[in-house]
Each structure stands twice: as structure tokens, then as C-alpha cells.
Amino acid sequence: MFILAIDTALDYCSAAVLDTNTQAMIAQETQAMKRGHAEALMPLIARVMTDSGITYLDLDRVAVTTGPGSFTGLRVGLSAARGIGLAAGKPVVGLTTLSAYVAPLVAEGQEQPIISAIDARHDHVYFQVVAGNGATLMKPAVAPIEATFAAARFGTLRMVGNAAQLLADRWPHNQLAPSSVDTQPGPDITWVAWLGAAIEPAESPAKPFYLRPPDAKPKAGSPQAQIEPRT
């Protein structure tokens, strides 16, 4: 299969093409940026597709990160993925940034549990805890940093995500210190592609993954406004 992977959910603007038959990334590009994903993404995808030597019709699937992350950024990636999938007649699958962060650590085959953490601001994080084999120990949630300390009961943790160092700095002294702390602005696009190849399209819709309720709600009796939740 040829997989086009896209990630704009956090502070990367990334795209890559994976050939699962040869198990090779045949083209990829990542730019670090906090803003400007909308302007940068389509030219970046065009360069990656040119470098890959294949056409959009040759793709078998498009994979995209769905959040948590920047509301504007992840919508840019989702819109691009859906547009390409629609134009090329290819399925589009979505996967969370939390799962993309943990994927390379799970692939190492170690037994230690992993906590994936993304800065949600205001002393909160989006986080998920998985076993060394990827089995869920704590489901994705958004909570105050102190709430993540409960993960210490699973043993010495490996930490990954753009809030990994934030957690490590606040980790209680009476708990086992993390064995590794991997702070990255965004997930590795290589693993977005591999996860996109592995998941089932019917079970992995390309729609925003929200962990927060809407910031505002319509007043009683008023017309229903189209209010998107924050990620």
C-alpha cells in the first residue's frame, strides 16, 4: 500500500508517503511551526508527492492526525486529507496525536508503561497511559497535571509528548522518576504513516478528536449556534 500521512495538529507541518510493500518511507518533509499551517501544508504535500514519484491516484489511503492539538492546525490537516481523499477516491483514516506519540516507544518492545502528554495550557494536559505492549492503562483525557500522577501506580514510566518535560519537572519526589523523557513539538510523521496503514478505515474516522466540551453554549431559547469545542 501507498499511504499519504499528514500531521498539522501541533507544532509540526508534516507529510510523508509510505510504501508498505517495501517498508520504506519514499518521501517525507517536516517543518516546525506554531502558526501558518494553512499556507504551508498544500505546497509541502505537493513536494512530498513529487518526491515520491507516484500520483494521488496511486495512493491506497490517506492518514491524518485528529487531535488533541491546536484547533486551527488540526482542522487544516483534516480538511486537506478529506479533500485529497475525495478527489482521488481514496479512504481517509484518522488517528490521535497521543497514539502517534507512543507508537515508536511501543515498537521498542520494552515492558515499562508509557505516558503520552500534550500541553493543554492553564496547567492542564491531554494524556494517555499505555502498557509497554500498547494496551490502554488510562484512557485519553484532559486533566490538571496533578491528575497524571496516578499513573505512577503502573511503575516507572517513559514520558513522551510536547508536555513530557512539563510532567517530569512536576513529578512527585516520592514517586519513581521517569526512566526517559522525550519532548517533541509533534509526533514523528513516519509513525503517523505506519499507524495509518495498520488501522481499519471503518473504525478510524477522520474527524476531530475532542476531549473538552464547548467553551460556550447557546442561551436557552436562542437558535443553536455552530460552536466547535476546543481541543
C-alpha atoms as a PDB file:
ATOM      1  CA  MET A   1       0.000   0.000   0.000  1.00  0.00           C
ATOM      2  CA  PHE A   2       0.946   3.616  -0.561  1.00  0.00           C
ATOM      3  CA  ILE A   3      -0.043   5.772   2.431  1.00  0.00           C
ATOM      4  CA  LEU A   4      -0.023   9.571   2.421  1.00  0.00           C
ATOM      5  CA  ALA A   5       0.339  10.754   6.040  1.00  0.00           C
ATOM      6  CA  ILE A   6      -0.439  14.293   7.181  1.00  0.00           C
ATOM      7  CA  ASP A   7       0.089  15.981  10.552  1.00  0.00           C
ATOM      8  CA  THR A   8      -0.666  19.594  11.477  1.00  0.00           C
ATOM      9  CA  ALA A   9      -2.192  19.083  14.929  1.00  0.00           C
ATOM     10  CA  LEU A  10       0.647  20.597  16.966  1.00  0.00           C
ATOM     11  CA  ASP A  11       3.872  22.443  16.131  1.00  0.00           C
ATOM     12  CA  TYR A  12       4.837  20.451  13.049  1.00  0.00           C
ATOM     13  CA  CYS A  13       3.595  20.706   9.494  1.00  0.00           C
ATOM     14  CA  SER A  14       4.399  17.266   8.112  1.00  0.00           C
ATOM     15  CA  ALA A  15       3.610  14.925   5.259  1.00  0.00           C
ATOM     16  CA  ALA A  16       5.063  11.622   4.127  1.00  0.00           C
ATOM     17  CA  VAL A  17       4.452   8.763   1.721  1.00  0.00           C
ATOM     18  CA  LEU A  18       4.937   5.225   3.000  1.00  0.00           C
ATOM     19  CA  ASP A  19       5.265   2.168   0.763  1.00  0.00           C
ATOM     20  CA  THR A  20       4.250  -0.765   2.956  1.00  0.00           C
ATOM     21  CA  ASN A  21       5.329  -3.290   0.318  1.00  0.00           C
ATOM     22  CA  THR A  22       8.976  -2.234   0.629  1.00  0.00           C
ATOM     23  CA  GLN A  23       8.523  -0.982   4.222  1.00  0.00           C
ATOM     24  CA  ALA A  24      10.141   2.282   3.197  1.00  0.00           C
ATOM     25  CA  MET A  25       9.290   5.954   3.576  1.00  0.00           C
ATOM     26  CA  ILE A  26       9.727   7.059  -0.015  1.00  0.00           C
ATOM     27  CA  ALA A  27       9.257  10.778   0.678  1.00  0.00           C
ATOM     28  CA  GLN A  28       8.723  12.984   3.712  1.00  0.00           C
ATOM     29  CA  GLU A  29       9.073  16.557   4.909  1.00  0.00           C
ATOM     30  CA  THR A  30       8.549  18.182   8.291  1.00  0.00           C
ATOM     31  CA  GLN A  31       8.627  21.877   9.120  1.00  0.00           C
ATOM     32  CA  ALA A  32       8.493  23.145  12.688  1.00  0.00           C
ATOM     33  CA  MET A  33       5.906  25.905  13.065  1.00  0.00           C
ATOM     34  CA  LYS A  34       3.404  27.169  15.591  1.00  0.00           C
ATOM     35  CA  ARG A  35       1.327  29.080  13.011  1.00  0.00           C
ATOM     36  CA  GLY A  36       0.951  29.182   9.288  1.00  0.00           C
ATOM     37  CA  HIS A  37      -0.047  25.559   8.672  1.00  0.00           C
ATOM     38  CA  ALA A  38      -2.795  26.608   6.269  1.00  0.00           C
ATOM     39  CA  GLU A  39      -0.353  28.368   3.959  1.00  0.00           C
ATOM     40  CA  ALA A  40       2.409  25.775   4.235  1.00  0.00           C
ATOM     41  CA  LEU A  41       0.602  22.441   4.049  1.00  0.00           C
ATOM     42  CA  MET A  42      -0.564  22.084   0.435  1.00  0.00           C
ATOM     43  CA  PRO A  43       2.775  23.161  -1.114  1.00  0.00           C
ATOM     44  CA  LEU A  44       4.521  20.780   1.317  1.00  0.00           C
ATOM     45  CA  ILE A  45       2.246  17.893   0.313  1.00  0.00           C
ATOM     46  CA  ALA A  46       2.849  18.692  -3.365  1.00  0.00           C
ATOM     47  CA  ARG A  47       6.613  18.493  -2.848  1.00  0.00           C
ATOM     48  CA  VAL A  48       6.316  15.197  -0.976  1.00  0.00           C
ATOM     49  CA  MET A  49       4.132  13.687  -3.677  1.00  0.00           C
ATOM     50  CA  THR A  50       6.563  14.835  -6.373  1.00  0.00           C
ATOM     51  CA  ASP A  51       9.491  13.356  -4.448  1.00  0.00           C
ATOM     52  CA  SER A  52       7.608  10.068  -4.006  1.00  0.00           C
ATOM     53  CA  GLY A  53       7.291   9.564  -7.751  1.00  0.00           C
ATOM     54  CA  ILE A  54       3.654   8.480  -7.512  1.00  0.00           C
ATOM     55  CA  THR A  55       0.366  10.233  -8.192  1.00  0.00           C
ATOM     56  CA  TYR A  56      -2.588  10.811  -5.888  1.00  0.00           C
ATOM     57  CA  LEU A  57      -4.461   8.086  -7.772  1.00  0.00           C
ATOM     58  CA  ASP A  58      -1.700   5.632  -6.844  1.00  0.00           C
ATOM     59  CA  LEU A  59      -2.389   6.159  -3.148  1.00  0.00           C
ATOM     60  CA  ASP A  60      -4.289   3.485  -1.275  1.00  0.00           C
ATOM     61  CA  ARG A  61      -5.102   5.553   1.796  1.00  0.00           C
ATOM     62  CA  VAL A  62      -4.659   8.964   3.423  1.00  0.00           C
ATOM     63  CA  ALA A  63      -3.891   9.131   7.159  1.00  0.00           C
ATOM     64  CA  VAL A  64      -4.182  12.269   9.283  1.00  0.00           C
ATOM     65  CA  THR A  65      -3.828  13.212  12.950  1.00  0.00           C
ATOM     66  CA  THR A  66      -7.129  14.210  14.532  1.00  0.00           C
ATOM     67  CA  GLY A  67      -6.001  15.809  17.809  1.00  0.00           C
ATOM     68  CA  PRO A  68      -5.774  16.685  20.589  1.00  0.00           C
ATOM     69  CA  GLY A  69      -3.892  19.744  19.473  1.00  0.00           C
ATOM     70  CA  SER A  70      -4.298  23.197  18.023  1.00  0.00           C
ATOM     71  CA  PHE A  71      -7.871  23.685  16.846  1.00  0.00           C
ATOM     72  CA  THR A  72      -6.813  25.614  13.745  1.00  0.00           C
ATOM     73  CA  GLY A  73      -3.888  23.359  12.939  1.00  0.00           C
ATOM     74  CA  LEU A  74      -5.716  20.063  13.120  1.00  0.00           C
ATOM     75  CA  ARG A  75      -8.611  21.402  11.037  1.00  0.00           C
ATOM     76  CA  VAL A  76      -6.125  22.355   8.319  1.00  0.00           C
ATOM     77  CA  GLY A  77      -4.784  18.806   8.191  1.00  0.00           C
ATOM     78  CA  LEU A  78      -8.224  17.213   8.302  1.00  0.00           C
ATOM     79  CA  SER A  79      -9.536  19.436   5.510  1.00  0.00           C
ATOM     80  CA  ALA A  80      -6.546  18.648   3.305  1.00  0.00           C
ATOM     81  CA  ALA A  81      -6.797  14.906   3.941  1.00  0.00           C
ATOM     82  CA  ARG A  82     -10.517  14.806   3.255  1.00  0.00           C
ATOM     83  CA  GLY A  83     -10.124  16.887   0.099  1.00  0.00           C
ATOM     84  CA  ILE A  84      -7.386  14.649  -1.275  1.00  0.00           C
ATOM     85  CA  GLY A  85      -9.313  11.509  -0.367  1.00  0.00           C
ATOM     86  CA  LEU A  86     -12.462  12.795  -2.040  1.00  0.00           C
ATOM     87  CA  ALA A  87     -10.688  13.934  -5.206  1.00  0.00           C
ATOM     88  CA  ALA A  88      -8.677  10.712  -5.541  1.00  0.00           C
ATOM     89  CA  GLY A  89     -11.450   8.392  -4.380  1.00  0.00           C
ATOM     90  CA  LYS A  90      -9.339   7.016  -1.523  1.00  0.00           C
ATOM     91  CA  PRO A  91     -10.261   6.214   2.093  1.00  0.00           C
ATOM     92  CA  VAL A  92      -9.132   8.655   4.777  1.00  0.00           C
ATOM     93  CA  VAL A  93      -8.313   7.437   8.280  1.00  0.00           C
ATOM     94  CA  GLY A  94      -7.754   9.415  11.463  1.00  0.00           C
ATOM     95  CA  LEU A  95      -5.529   8.719  14.440  1.00  0.00           C
ATOM     96  CA  THR A  96      -4.845  10.660  17.599  1.00  0.00           C
ATOM     97  CA  THR A  97      -1.690  12.616  18.310  1.00  0.00           C
ATOM     98  CA  LEU A  98      -1.419  10.762  21.622  1.00  0.00           C
ATOM     99  CA  SER A  99      -1.268   7.395  19.852  1.00  0.00           C
ATOM    100  CA  ALA A 100       1.227   8.708  17.300  1.00  0.00           C
ATOM    101  CA  TYR A 101       3.486   9.880  20.117  1.00  0.00           C
ATOM    102  CA  VAL A 102       3.531   6.491  21.866  1.00  0.00           C
ATOM    103  CA  ALA A 103       3.908   4.352  18.739  1.00  0.00           C
ATOM    104  CA  PRO A 104       7.728   4.415  18.451  1.00  0.00           C
ATOM    105  CA  LEU A 105       8.111   3.572  22.150  1.00  0.00           C
ATOM    106  CA  VAL A 106       5.695   0.662  21.901  1.00  0.00           C
ATOM    107  CA  ALA A 107       7.700  -0.584  18.914  1.00  0.00           C
ATOM    108  CA  GLU A 108      10.795  -0.837  21.122  1.00  0.00           C
ATOM    109  CA  GLY A 109       9.174  -3.780  22.911  1.00  0.00           C
ATOM    110  CA  GLN A 110      10.040  -2.696  26.446  1.00  0.00           C
ATOM    111  CA  GLU A 111       7.837  -3.571  29.397  1.00  0.00           C
ATOM    112  CA  GLN A 112       7.746  -0.137  31.028  1.00  0.00           C
ATOM    113  CA  PRO A 113       4.473   1.790  30.710  1.00  0.00           C
ATOM    114  CA  ILE A 114       4.311   4.971  28.653  1.00  0.00           C
ATOM    115  CA  ILE A 115       2.529   8.243  29.292  1.00  0.00           C
ATOM    116  CA  SER A 116       1.862  10.467  26.307  1.00  0.00           C
ATOM    117  CA  ALA A 117       1.192  14.095  27.233  1.00  0.00           C
ATOM    118  CA  ILE A 118       0.252  17.212  25.285  1.00  0.00           C
ATOM    119  CA  ASP A 119       0.151  20.696  26.746  1.00  0.00           C
ATOM    120  CA  ALA A 120      -3.469  21.822  27.113  1.00  0.00           C
ATOM    121  CA  ARG A 121      -2.430  25.107  28.762  1.00  0.00           C
ATOM    122  CA  HIS A 122      -3.688  26.546  32.051  1.00  0.00           C
ATOM    123  CA  ASP A 123      -1.837  23.831  33.999  1.00  0.00           C
ATOM    124  CA  HIS A 124      -3.711  21.048  32.199  1.00  0.00           C
ATOM    125  CA  VAL A 125      -2.570  18.315  29.840  1.00  0.00           C
ATOM    126  CA  TYR A 126      -4.131  15.878  27.417  1.00  0.00           C
ATOM    127  CA  PHE A 127      -2.732  12.491  28.316  1.00  0.00           C
ATOM    128  CA  GLN A 128      -2.970   8.755  27.853  1.00  0.00           C
ATOM    129  CA  VAL A 129      -1.159   5.871  29.550  1.00  0.00           C
ATOM    130  CA  VAL A 130      -0.398   2.589  27.803  1.00  0.00           C
ATOM    131  CA  ALA A 131       1.476  -0.569  28.744  1.00  0.00           C
ATOM    132  CA  GLY A 132       4.723  -1.447  27.024  1.00  0.00           C
ATOM    133  CA  ASN A 133       2.760  -3.514  24.503  1.00  0.00           C
ATOM    134  CA  GLY A 134       0.382  -0.632  23.742  1.00  0.00           C
ATOM    135  CA  ALA A 135      -2.588  -1.858  25.816  1.00  0.00           C
ATOM    136  CA  THR A 136      -4.554   1.008  27.350  1.00  0.00           C
ATOM    137  CA  LEU A 137      -3.981   1.611  31.064  1.00  0.00           C
ATOM    138  CA  MET A 138      -5.586   5.067  31.290  1.00  0.00           C
ATOM    139  CA  LYS A 139      -7.866   6.312  28.529  1.00  0.00           C
ATOM    140  CA  PRO A 140      -7.213   9.668  26.802  1.00  0.00           C
ATOM    141  CA  ALA A 141      -8.317  12.548  28.996  1.00  0.00           C
ATOM    142  CA  VAL A 142      -7.723  16.206  29.707  1.00  0.00           C
ATOM    143  CA  ALA A 143      -6.956  16.972  33.335  1.00  0.00           C
ATOM    144  CA  PRO A 144      -4.792  19.044  35.683  1.00  0.00           C
ATOM    145  CA  ILE A 145      -1.157  17.976  35.689  1.00  0.00           C
ATOM    146  CA  GLU A 146      -1.565  16.539  39.185  1.00  0.00           C
ATOM    147  CA  ALA A 147      -4.099  14.030  37.858  1.00  0.00           C
ATOM    148  CA  THR A 148      -1.387  12.340  35.804  1.00  0.00           C
ATOM    149  CA  PHE A 149       0.474  11.390  38.985  1.00  0.00           C
ATOM    150  CA  ALA A 150      -1.963   8.474  39.383  1.00  0.00           C
ATOM    151  CA  ALA A 151      -0.096   6.766  36.545  1.00  0.00           C
ATOM    152  CA  ALA A 152       2.799   6.160  38.946  1.00  0.00           C
ATOM    153  CA  ARG A 153       0.960   3.073  40.190  1.00  0.00           C
ATOM    154  CA  PHE A 154       1.867   1.309  36.950  1.00  0.00           C
ATOM    155  CA  GLY A 155       5.593   1.538  37.655  1.00  0.00           C
ATOM    156  CA  THR A 156       8.498   3.515  36.220  1.00  0.00           C
ATOM    157  CA  LEU A 157       7.142   5.497  33.290  1.00  0.00           C
ATOM    158  CA  ARG A 158       8.536   6.578  29.983  1.00  0.00           C
ATOM    159  CA  MET A 159       7.226  10.030  29.074  1.00  0.00           C
ATOM    160  CA  VAL A 160       6.678  11.374  25.569  1.00  0.00           C
ATOM    161  CA  GLY A 161       4.928  14.367  24.039  1.00  0.00           C
ATOM    162  CA  ASN A 162       5.316  18.125  23.981  1.00  0.00           C
ATOM    163  CA  ALA A 163       4.363  18.209  27.689  1.00  0.00           C
ATOM    164  CA  ALA A 164       6.677  15.347  28.706  1.00  0.00           C
ATOM    165  CA  GLN A 165       9.255  17.631  30.299  1.00  0.00           C
ATOM    166  CA  LEU A 166       6.484  19.590  31.998  1.00  0.00           C
ATOM    167  CA  LEU A 167       5.298  16.388  33.676  1.00  0.00           C
ATOM    168  CA  ALA A 168       8.826  15.288  34.562  1.00  0.00           C
ATOM    169  CA  ASP A 169       9.552  18.627  36.232  1.00  0.00           C
ATOM    170  CA  ARG A 170       6.406  18.340  38.364  1.00  0.00           C
ATOM    171  CA  TRP A 171       6.610  14.610  39.092  1.00  0.00           C
ATOM    172  CA  PRO A 172       6.377  13.941  42.865  1.00  0.00           C
ATOM    173  CA  HIS A 173       9.676  13.222  44.580  1.00  0.00           C
ATOM    174  CA  ASN A 174       8.110  10.329  46.466  1.00  0.00           C
ATOM    175  CA  GLN A 175       7.335   8.531  43.183  1.00  0.00           C
ATOM    176  CA  LEU A 176       9.699   6.674  40.872  1.00  0.00           C
ATOM    177  CA  ALA A 177      11.347   9.112  38.486  1.00  0.00           C
ATOM    178  CA  PRO A 178      10.606   8.553  34.780  1.00  0.00           C
ATOM    179  CA  SER A 179      13.164   6.397  33.006  1.00  0.00           C
ATOM    180  CA  SER A 180      13.044   8.572  29.879  1.00  0.00           C
ATOM    181  CA  VAL A 181      11.597  11.934  28.868  1.00  0.00           C
ATOM    182  CA  ASP A 182      11.105  12.565  25.156  1.00  0.00           C
ATOM    183  CA  THR A 183       9.840  16.062  24.417  1.00  0.00           C
ATOM    184  CA  GLN A 184       8.901  16.643  20.772  1.00  0.00           C
ATOM    185  CA  PRO A 185       6.956  19.525  19.164  1.00  0.00           C
ATOM    186  CA  GLY A 186       4.831  16.940  17.358  1.00  0.00           C
ATOM    187  CA  PRO A 187       4.699  13.236  16.554  1.00  0.00           C
ATOM    188  CA  ASP A 188       7.067  11.632  14.050  1.00  0.00           C
ATOM    189  CA  ILE A 189       5.304  11.599  10.664  1.00  0.00           C
ATOM    190  CA  THR A 190       6.837   8.175   9.993  1.00  0.00           C
ATOM    191  CA  TRP A 191       4.709   6.692  12.763  1.00  0.00           C
ATOM    192  CA  VAL A 192       1.611   8.565  11.653  1.00  0.00           C
ATOM    193  CA  ALA A 193       2.036   6.758   8.329  1.00  0.00           C
ATOM    194  CA  TRP A 194       2.599   3.334   9.886  1.00  0.00           C
ATOM    195  CA  LEU A 195      -0.384   3.688  12.206  1.00  0.00           C
ATOM    196  CA  GLY A 196      -2.449   4.863   9.258  1.00  0.00           C
ATOM    197  CA  ALA A 197      -1.545   1.678   7.420  1.00  0.00           C
ATOM    198  CA  ALA A 198      -2.427  -0.536  10.381  1.00  0.00           C
ATOM    199  CA  ILE A 199      -5.820   0.783  11.439  1.00  0.00           C
ATOM    200  CA  GLU A 200      -9.197  -0.101   9.944  1.00  0.00           C
ATOM    201  CA  PRO A 201     -10.826   2.737   7.967  1.00  0.00           C
ATOM    202  CA  ALA A 202     -14.314   1.858   9.217  1.00  0.00           C
ATOM    203  CA  GLU A 203     -13.161   2.169  12.834  1.00  0.00           C
ATOM    204  CA  SER A 204     -10.935   5.238  12.449  1.00  0.00           C
ATOM    205  CA  PRO A 205     -12.887   8.178  11.029  1.00  0.00           C
ATOM    206  CA  ALA A 206     -11.028  11.332  10.072  1.00  0.00           C
ATOM    207  CA  LYS A 207     -12.861  13.680  12.400  1.00  0.00           C
ATOM    208  CA  PRO A 208     -11.591  15.926  15.208  1.00  0.00           C
ATOM    209  CA  PHE A 209     -10.814  14.143  18.460  1.00  0.00           C
ATOM    210  CA  TYR A 210     -12.066  16.479  21.171  1.00  0.00           C
ATOM    211  CA  LEU A 211     -11.518  15.978  24.887  1.00  0.00           C
ATOM    212  CA  ARG A 212     -13.029  19.270  26.009  1.00  0.00           C
ATOM    213  CA  PRO A 213     -16.649  20.419  25.968  1.00  0.00           C
ATOM    214  CA  PRO A 214     -17.602  23.600  24.119  1.00  0.00           C
ATOM    215  CA  ASP A 215     -16.281  26.844  25.599  1.00  0.00           C
ATOM    216  CA  ALA A 216     -19.716  28.413  25.223  1.00  0.00           C
ATOM    217  CA  LYS A 217     -23.280  27.233  24.831  1.00  0.00           C
ATOM    218  CA  PRO A 218     -26.297  28.974  23.297  1.00  0.00           C
ATOM    219  CA  LYS A 219     -28.687  30.614  25.743  1.00  0.00           C
ATOM    220  CA  ALA A 220     -31.943  28.841  26.394  1.00  0.00           C
ATOM    221  CA  GLY A 221     -34.431  29.656  23.670  1.00  0.00           C
ATOM    222  CA  SER A 222     -31.840  31.017  21.258  1.00  0.00           C
ATOM    223  CA  PRO A 223     -31.075  29.454  17.862  1.00  0.00           C
ATOM    224  CA  GLN A 224     -28.483  26.701  18.028  1.00  0.00           C
ATOM    225  CA  ALA A 225     -25.122  28.118  17.063  1.00  0.00           C
ATOM    226  CA  GLN A 226     -22.477  26.006  15.412  1.00  0.00           C
ATOM    227  CA  ILE A 227     -19.909  26.106  18.192  1.00  0.00           C
ATOM    228  CA  GLU A 228     -16.868  23.898  17.919  1.00  0.00           C
ATOM    229  CA  PRO A 229     -15.210  22.608  21.108  1.00  0.00           C
ATOM    230  CA  ARG A 230     -11.618  23.437  21.852  1.00  0.00           C
ATOM    231  CA  THR A 231      -9.156  20.600  21.533  1.00  0.00           C
END
